[in-house]
């Protein structure tokens, strides 16, 4: 077995090859427009991969099966959201907040970054105004 040093380009490429081989082995089709998107027509599933974070959408039974198969070979932590009663409606994903709302899903930037941006722009002492053109 060969290993790659974490953080190197070949480590990222090797990981991409590894998870792609696993997902294609589970009958997913890799996206032609984006190599990090995978679809499974029969199971009505979509999976997006960002680094080592997997985001899946589909029927509960299909998600259960893919989760079980991935846990056979990888160490995984899983968060599940859903509109049904008792399911969480909000999760942190890549530092963002994904929230399920009655009209759909909303993705919110990391609230902690707002203060960093304000400080970085030197606007810590700025006072808000009602209109952008106020004198």
N, C-alpha and C. Protein backbone atom coordinates (compact mmCIF):
# COMPACT_ATOMS: atom_id res chain seq x y z
N UNK A 1 0.84 -1.18 0.00
CA UNK A 1 0.00 0.00 0.00
C UNK A 1 0.88 1.24 0.00
N UNK A 2 0.52 2.21 -0.84
CA UNK A 2 1.27 3.46 -0.91
C UNK A 2 0.52 4.54 -0.16
N UNK A 3 1.26 5.48 0.40
CA UNK A 3 0.66 6.57 1.16
C UNK A 3 1.12 7.90 0.56
N UNK A 4 0.32 8.93 0.78
CA UNK A 4 0.67 10.27 0.36
C UNK A 4 0.72 11.16 1.59
N UNK A 5 1.61 12.13 1.57
CA UNK A 5 1.72 13.07 2.68
C UNK A 5 0.53 14.02 2.65
N UNK A 6 -0.17 14.12 3.78
CA UNK A 6 -1.36 14.96 3.88
C UNK A 6 -1.03 16.38 3.45
N UNK A 7 -1.90 16.97 2.66
CA UNK A 7 -1.74 18.35 2.23
C UNK A 7 -1.02 18.50 0.90
N UNK A 8 -0.45 17.43 0.37
CA UNK A 8 0.24 17.53 -0.91
C UNK A 8 -0.76 17.34 -2.05
N UNK A 9 -0.36 17.78 -3.25
CA UNK A 9 -1.24 17.64 -4.42
C UNK A 9 -1.54 16.18 -4.72
N UNK A 10 -0.53 15.32 -4.60
CA UNK A 10 -0.80 13.92 -4.93
C UNK A 10 -1.71 13.28 -3.90
N UNK A 11 -1.71 13.76 -2.64
CA UNK A 11 -2.62 13.22 -1.63
C UNK A 11 -4.06 13.55 -2.03
N UNK A 12 -4.31 14.78 -2.45
CA UNK A 12 -5.66 15.17 -2.87
C UNK A 12 -6.09 14.38 -4.10
N UNK A 13 -5.20 14.23 -5.04
CA UNK A 13 -5.53 13.47 -6.26
C UNK A 13 -5.78 12.00 -5.94
N UNK A 14 -4.98 11.44 -5.05
CA UNK A 14 -5.17 10.03 -4.67
C UNK A 14 -6.48 9.84 -3.92
N UNK A 15 -6.84 10.77 -3.06
CA UNK A 15 -8.11 10.69 -2.34
C UNK A 15 -9.29 10.79 -3.31
N UNK A 16 -9.19 11.72 -4.27
CA UNK A 16 -10.24 11.86 -5.27
C UNK A 16 -10.42 10.57 -6.06
N UNK A 17 -9.32 9.97 -6.43
CA UNK A 17 -9.37 8.69 -7.17
C UNK A 17 -9.99 7.60 -6.30
N UNK A 18 -9.64 7.58 -5.02
CA UNK A 18 -10.16 6.56 -4.09
C UNK A 18 -11.66 6.66 -3.91
N UNK A 19 -12.17 7.85 -3.53
CA UNK A 19 -13.61 7.95 -3.29
C UNK A 19 -14.40 7.82 -4.59
N UNK A 20 -13.82 8.28 -5.71
CA UNK A 20 -14.51 8.14 -7.00
C UNK A 20 -14.67 6.66 -7.35
N UNK A 21 -13.62 5.90 -7.16
CA UNK A 21 -13.67 4.46 -7.44
C UNK A 21 -14.74 3.79 -6.57
N UNK A 22 -14.83 4.20 -5.31
CA UNK A 22 -15.82 3.61 -4.40
C UNK A 22 -17.24 3.97 -4.84
N UNK A 23 -17.49 5.23 -5.16
CA UNK A 23 -18.83 5.65 -5.55
C UNK A 23 -19.25 5.05 -6.90
N UNK A 24 -18.33 5.00 -7.83
CA UNK A 24 -18.64 4.37 -9.12
C UNK A 24 -18.91 2.88 -8.91
N UNK A 25 -18.19 2.27 -7.95
CA UNK A 25 -18.45 0.88 -7.60
C UNK A 25 -19.82 0.66 -6.99
N UNK A 26 -20.41 1.75 -6.45
CA UNK A 26 -21.77 1.69 -5.91
C UNK A 26 -22.78 2.14 -6.99
N UNK A 27 -22.37 2.15 -8.24
CA UNK A 27 -23.20 2.45 -9.41
C UNK A 27 -23.60 3.91 -9.53
N UNK A 28 -22.78 4.79 -8.98
CA UNK A 28 -22.99 6.21 -9.20
C UNK A 28 -22.29 6.59 -10.50
N UNK A 29 -22.81 7.60 -11.17
CA UNK A 29 -22.16 8.15 -12.35
C UNK A 29 -21.50 9.45 -11.95
N UNK A 30 -20.25 9.60 -12.35
CA UNK A 30 -19.51 10.82 -12.05
C UNK A 30 -19.94 11.91 -13.01
N UNK A 31 -20.07 13.13 -12.49
CA UNK A 31 -20.51 14.25 -13.31
C UNK A 31 -19.51 14.59 -14.40
N UNK A 32 -20.01 14.95 -15.56
CA UNK A 32 -19.11 15.34 -16.65
C UNK A 32 -18.73 16.81 -16.54
N UNK A 33 -19.61 17.63 -15.95
CA UNK A 33 -19.31 19.05 -15.77
C UNK A 33 -18.50 19.33 -14.53
N UNK A 34 -18.67 18.48 -13.52
CA UNK A 34 -17.93 18.62 -12.26
C UNK A 34 -17.61 17.23 -11.74
N UNK A 35 -16.33 16.97 -11.55
CA UNK A 35 -15.88 15.65 -11.11
C UNK A 35 -16.24 15.36 -9.66
N UNK A 36 -16.74 16.35 -8.93
CA UNK A 36 -17.09 16.12 -7.53
C UNK A 36 -18.58 15.85 -7.34
N UNK A 37 -19.33 15.75 -8.45
CA UNK A 37 -20.75 15.45 -8.38
C UNK A 37 -21.01 14.04 -8.90
N UNK A 38 -21.83 13.30 -8.16
CA UNK A 38 -22.15 11.92 -8.52
C UNK A 38 -23.67 11.75 -8.46
N UNK A 39 -24.23 11.03 -9.42
CA UNK A 39 -25.66 10.78 -9.43
C UNK A 39 -25.94 9.29 -9.56
N UNK A 40 -27.06 8.88 -9.01
CA UNK A 40 -27.53 7.50 -9.11
C UNK A 40 -29.01 7.62 -9.50
N UNK A 41 -29.31 7.43 -10.78
CA UNK A 41 -30.66 7.64 -11.29
C UNK A 41 -31.68 6.72 -10.63
N UNK A 42 -31.37 5.42 -10.54
CA UNK A 42 -32.33 4.46 -10.00
C UNK A 42 -32.68 4.76 -8.55
N UNK A 43 -31.69 5.14 -7.76
CA UNK A 43 -31.92 5.44 -6.34
C UNK A 43 -32.33 6.89 -6.11
N UNK A 44 -32.38 7.67 -7.18
CA UNK A 44 -32.75 9.09 -7.10
C UNK A 44 -31.86 9.83 -6.09
N UNK A 45 -30.56 9.60 -6.23
CA UNK A 45 -29.61 10.21 -5.30
C UNK A 45 -28.61 11.09 -6.02
N UNK A 46 -28.13 12.07 -5.27
CA UNK A 46 -27.03 12.92 -5.72
C UNK A 46 -26.06 13.04 -4.56
N UNK A 47 -24.78 13.01 -4.88
CA UNK A 47 -23.74 13.20 -3.86
C UNK A 47 -22.74 14.22 -4.39
N UNK A 48 -22.40 15.17 -3.54
CA UNK A 48 -21.36 16.13 -3.85
C UNK A 48 -20.24 15.92 -2.85
N UNK A 49 -19.00 15.95 -3.33
CA UNK A 49 -17.85 15.75 -2.46
C UNK A 49 -17.00 17.02 -2.48
N UNK A 50 -16.64 17.48 -1.28
CA UNK A 50 -15.76 18.64 -1.14
C UNK A 50 -14.68 18.22 -0.16
N UNK A 51 -13.51 17.92 -0.68
CA UNK A 51 -12.43 17.41 0.18
C UNK A 51 -12.81 16.06 0.75
N UNK A 52 -13.00 16.01 2.06
CA UNK A 52 -13.43 14.75 2.66
C UNK A 52 -14.85 14.85 3.21
N UNK A 53 -15.59 15.86 2.76
CA UNK A 53 -16.98 16.03 3.16
C UNK A 53 -17.89 15.58 2.03
N UNK A 54 -18.81 14.68 2.35
CA UNK A 54 -19.77 14.17 1.38
C UNK A 54 -21.15 14.72 1.72
N UNK A 55 -21.88 15.20 0.72
CA UNK A 55 -23.22 15.72 0.91
C UNK A 55 -24.15 14.93 0.02
N UNK A 56 -25.09 14.24 0.61
CA UNK A 56 -25.99 13.41 -0.18
C UNK A 56 -27.42 13.87 -0.07
N UNK A 57 -28.18 13.64 -1.14
CA UNK A 57 -29.60 13.98 -1.18
C UNK A 57 -30.31 12.82 -1.86
N UNK A 58 -31.39 12.37 -1.22
CA UNK A 58 -32.15 11.28 -1.81
C UNK A 58 -33.07 10.65 -0.79
N UNK A 59 -33.76 9.57 -1.19
CA UNK A 59 -34.65 8.88 -0.26
C UNK A 59 -33.88 8.30 0.93
N UNK A 60 -34.53 8.26 2.08
CA UNK A 60 -33.90 7.81 3.32
C UNK A 60 -33.28 6.42 3.16
N UNK A 61 -33.99 5.48 2.55
CA UNK A 61 -33.47 4.12 2.41
C UNK A 61 -32.20 4.09 1.58
N UNK A 62 -32.14 4.92 0.54
CA UNK A 62 -30.93 4.99 -0.29
C UNK A 62 -29.77 5.61 0.47
N UNK A 63 -30.06 6.66 1.22
CA UNK A 63 -29.02 7.29 2.03
C UNK A 63 -28.49 6.30 3.07
N UNK A 64 -29.40 5.54 3.69
CA UNK A 64 -28.99 4.53 4.67
C UNK A 64 -28.03 3.52 4.06
N UNK A 65 -28.37 3.05 2.86
CA UNK A 65 -27.54 2.04 2.19
C UNK A 65 -26.16 2.58 1.84
N UNK A 66 -26.11 3.77 1.28
CA UNK A 66 -24.81 4.35 0.92
C UNK A 66 -23.99 4.63 2.17
N UNK A 67 -24.63 5.12 3.22
CA UNK A 67 -23.92 5.36 4.48
C UNK A 67 -23.32 4.05 5.01
N UNK A 68 -24.10 3.00 5.00
CA UNK A 68 -23.61 1.70 5.49
C UNK A 68 -22.41 1.24 4.67
N UNK A 69 -22.50 1.37 3.35
CA UNK A 69 -21.41 0.91 2.48
C UNK A 69 -20.15 1.75 2.65
N UNK A 70 -20.31 3.06 2.82
CA UNK A 70 -19.14 3.92 3.02
C UNK A 70 -18.49 3.66 4.37
N UNK A 71 -19.30 3.37 5.39
CA UNK A 71 -18.75 3.09 6.72
C UNK A 71 -18.00 1.77 6.78
N UNK A 72 -18.22 0.90 5.79
CA UNK A 72 -17.46 -0.35 5.73
C UNK A 72 -15.98 -0.09 5.45
N UNK A 73 -15.69 1.01 4.75
CA UNK A 73 -14.31 1.29 4.36
C UNK A 73 -13.74 2.59 4.91
N UNK A 74 -14.60 3.52 5.34
CA UNK A 74 -14.13 4.80 5.84
C UNK A 74 -14.70 5.07 7.23
N UNK A 75 -13.96 5.85 8.00
CA UNK A 75 -14.48 6.34 9.28
C UNK A 75 -15.33 7.56 8.97
N UNK A 76 -16.59 7.53 9.36
CA UNK A 76 -17.53 8.59 8.99
C UNK A 76 -18.28 9.16 10.18
N UNK A 77 -18.56 10.45 10.09
CA UNK A 77 -19.52 11.10 10.99
C UNK A 77 -20.65 11.55 10.08
N UNK A 78 -21.88 11.34 10.51
CA UNK A 78 -23.02 11.64 9.65
C UNK A 78 -23.98 12.58 10.35
N UNK A 79 -24.44 13.58 9.60
CA UNK A 79 -25.51 14.47 10.04
C UNK A 79 -26.65 14.30 9.06
N UNK A 80 -27.86 14.20 9.56
CA UNK A 80 -29.02 14.07 8.68
C UNK A 80 -29.99 15.21 8.96
N UNK A 81 -30.45 15.82 7.89
CA UNK A 81 -31.48 16.85 7.97
C UNK A 81 -32.72 16.33 7.25
N UNK A 82 -33.86 16.86 7.59
CA UNK A 82 -35.08 16.48 6.88
C UNK A 82 -36.26 17.30 7.33
N UNK A 83 -37.28 17.32 6.48
CA UNK A 83 -38.48 18.08 6.78
C UNK A 83 -39.43 17.32 7.70
N UNK A 84 -39.25 16.00 7.84
CA UNK A 84 -40.17 15.23 8.68
C UNK A 84 -39.97 15.57 10.15
N UNK A 85 -41.01 15.34 10.93
CA UNK A 85 -41.00 15.68 12.35
C UNK A 85 -39.86 14.94 13.07
N UNK A 86 -39.20 15.65 13.95
CA UNK A 86 -38.12 15.06 14.72
C UNK A 86 -36.75 15.14 14.06
N UNK A 87 -36.69 15.47 12.79
CA UNK A 87 -35.41 15.60 12.10
C UNK A 87 -34.84 16.99 12.33
N UNK A 88 -33.52 17.10 12.49
CA UNK A 88 -32.91 18.43 12.60
C UNK A 88 -33.16 19.23 11.32
N UNK A 89 -33.31 20.52 11.47
CA UNK A 89 -33.58 21.41 10.33
C UNK A 89 -32.37 22.27 9.99
N UNK A 90 -31.29 22.13 10.76
CA UNK A 90 -30.13 22.99 10.57
C UNK A 90 -28.85 22.21 10.86
N UNK A 91 -27.80 22.49 10.06
CA UNK A 91 -26.50 21.86 10.30
C UNK A 91 -25.41 22.79 9.81
N UNK A 92 -24.23 22.64 10.38
CA UNK A 92 -23.04 23.37 9.92
C UNK A 92 -22.34 22.51 8.89
N UNK A 93 -22.09 23.12 7.72
CA UNK A 93 -21.43 22.43 6.62
C UNK A 93 -20.37 23.35 6.06
N UNK A 94 -19.13 22.92 6.12
CA UNK A 94 -18.01 23.71 5.62
C UNK A 94 -18.02 25.13 6.18
N UNK A 95 -18.35 25.26 7.46
CA UNK A 95 -18.35 26.56 8.11
C UNK A 95 -19.58 27.39 7.79
N UNK A 96 -20.50 26.85 7.02
CA UNK A 96 -21.74 27.56 6.68
C UNK A 96 -22.89 26.91 7.41
N UNK A 97 -24.01 27.59 7.45
CA UNK A 97 -25.20 27.03 8.08
C UNK A 97 -26.20 26.68 6.99
N UNK A 98 -26.57 25.41 6.93
CA UNK A 98 -27.60 24.95 6.01
C UNK A 98 -28.87 24.81 6.82
N UNK A 99 -29.92 25.51 6.39
CA UNK A 99 -31.17 25.51 7.14
C UNK A 99 -32.31 25.13 6.21
N UNK A 100 -33.12 24.16 6.64
CA UNK A 100 -34.31 23.77 5.89
C UNK A 100 -35.45 24.67 6.33
N UNK A 101 -36.09 25.30 5.35
CA UNK A 101 -37.19 26.22 5.62
C UNK A 101 -38.41 25.77 4.82
N UNK A 102 -39.58 26.26 5.17
CA UNK A 102 -40.79 25.81 4.47
C UNK A 102 -40.72 25.93 2.94
N UNK A 103 -40.06 26.96 2.42
CA UNK A 103 -39.96 27.15 0.97
C UNK A 103 -38.77 26.47 0.32
N UNK A 104 -37.92 25.83 1.09
CA UNK A 104 -36.73 25.20 0.52
C UNK A 104 -35.58 25.23 1.52
N UNK A 105 -34.38 25.28 1.00
CA UNK A 105 -33.19 25.28 1.85
C UNK A 105 -32.46 26.61 1.69
N UNK A 106 -31.85 27.08 2.78
CA UNK A 106 -31.09 28.32 2.76
C UNK A 106 -29.67 28.02 3.24
N UNK A 107 -28.70 28.61 2.58
CA UNK A 107 -27.30 28.46 2.96
C UNK A 107 -26.79 29.82 3.41
N UNK A 108 -26.32 29.89 4.63
CA UNK A 108 -25.90 31.15 5.24
C UNK A 108 -24.39 31.10 5.48
N UNK A 109 -23.73 32.21 5.20
CA UNK A 109 -22.29 32.29 5.44
C UNK A 109 -22.02 32.13 6.93
N UNK A 110 -20.81 31.73 7.27
CA UNK A 110 -20.42 31.55 8.65
C UNK A 110 -20.54 32.89 9.38
N UNK A 111 -21.41 32.97 10.40
CA UNK A 111 -21.60 34.23 11.11
C UNK A 111 -20.31 34.77 11.74
N UNK A 112 -19.39 33.89 12.10
CA UNK A 112 -18.14 34.33 12.71
C UNK A 112 -17.29 35.14 11.73
N UNK A 113 -17.49 34.92 10.44
CA UNK A 113 -16.68 35.63 9.45
C UNK A 113 -17.11 37.08 9.26
N UNK A 114 -18.34 37.41 9.63
CA UNK A 114 -18.83 38.77 9.45
C UNK A 114 -17.94 39.76 10.21
N UNK A 115 -17.64 39.46 11.46
CA UNK A 115 -16.78 40.35 12.25
C UNK A 115 -15.37 40.43 11.66
N UNK A 116 -14.86 39.31 11.14
CA UNK A 116 -13.53 39.31 10.51
C UNK A 116 -13.51 40.22 9.29
N UNK A 117 -14.55 40.16 8.47
CA UNK A 117 -14.61 41.00 7.27
C UNK A 117 -14.71 42.47 7.66
N UNK A 118 -15.56 42.79 8.61
CA UNK A 118 -15.72 44.17 9.06
C UNK A 118 -14.39 44.70 9.59
N UNK A 119 -13.72 43.91 10.41
CA UNK A 119 -12.43 44.33 10.96
C UNK A 119 -11.38 44.45 9.87
N UNK A 120 -11.35 43.48 8.95
CA UNK A 120 -10.37 43.50 7.86
C UNK A 120 -10.52 44.71 6.95
N UNK A 121 -11.74 45.19 6.80
CA UNK A 121 -11.99 46.37 5.96
C UNK A 121 -11.82 47.68 6.73
N UNK A 122 -11.49 47.55 8.01
CA UNK A 122 -11.30 48.75 8.83
C UNK A 122 -12.60 49.47 9.14
N UNK A 123 -13.69 48.73 9.22
CA UNK A 123 -14.99 49.33 9.45
C UNK A 123 -15.53 49.07 10.85
N UNK A 124 -14.65 48.71 11.77
CA UNK A 124 -15.11 48.37 13.12
C UNK A 124 -15.84 49.52 13.80
N UNK A 125 -15.44 50.74 13.56
CA UNK A 125 -16.08 51.88 14.20
C UNK A 125 -17.16 52.52 13.34
N UNK A 126 -17.46 51.94 12.18
CA UNK A 126 -18.45 52.53 11.27
C UNK A 126 -19.85 52.46 11.87
N UNK A 127 -20.65 53.45 11.52
CA UNK A 127 -22.04 53.46 11.96
C UNK A 127 -22.95 53.18 10.76
N UNK A 128 -23.94 52.31 10.92
CA UNK A 128 -24.83 51.99 9.80
C UNK A 128 -25.76 53.15 9.47
N UNK A 129 -26.18 53.22 8.21
CA UNK A 129 -27.15 54.22 7.77
C UNK A 129 -28.31 53.50 7.07
N UNK A 130 -29.43 54.18 6.95
CA UNK A 130 -30.61 53.56 6.33
C UNK A 130 -30.48 53.38 4.84
N UNK A 131 -29.77 54.29 4.16
CA UNK A 131 -29.62 54.19 2.70
C UNK A 131 -28.15 54.28 2.35
N UNK A 132 -27.76 53.65 1.26
CA UNK A 132 -26.33 53.67 0.90
C UNK A 132 -25.86 55.04 0.42
N UNK A 133 -26.80 56.00 0.12
CA UNK A 133 -26.40 57.28 -0.40
C UNK A 133 -26.55 58.41 0.60
N UNK A 134 -26.77 58.10 1.86
CA UNK A 134 -26.94 59.15 2.87
C UNK A 134 -25.63 59.89 3.07
N UNK A 135 -25.75 61.21 3.31
CA UNK A 135 -24.55 62.03 3.53
C UNK A 135 -24.25 62.08 5.01
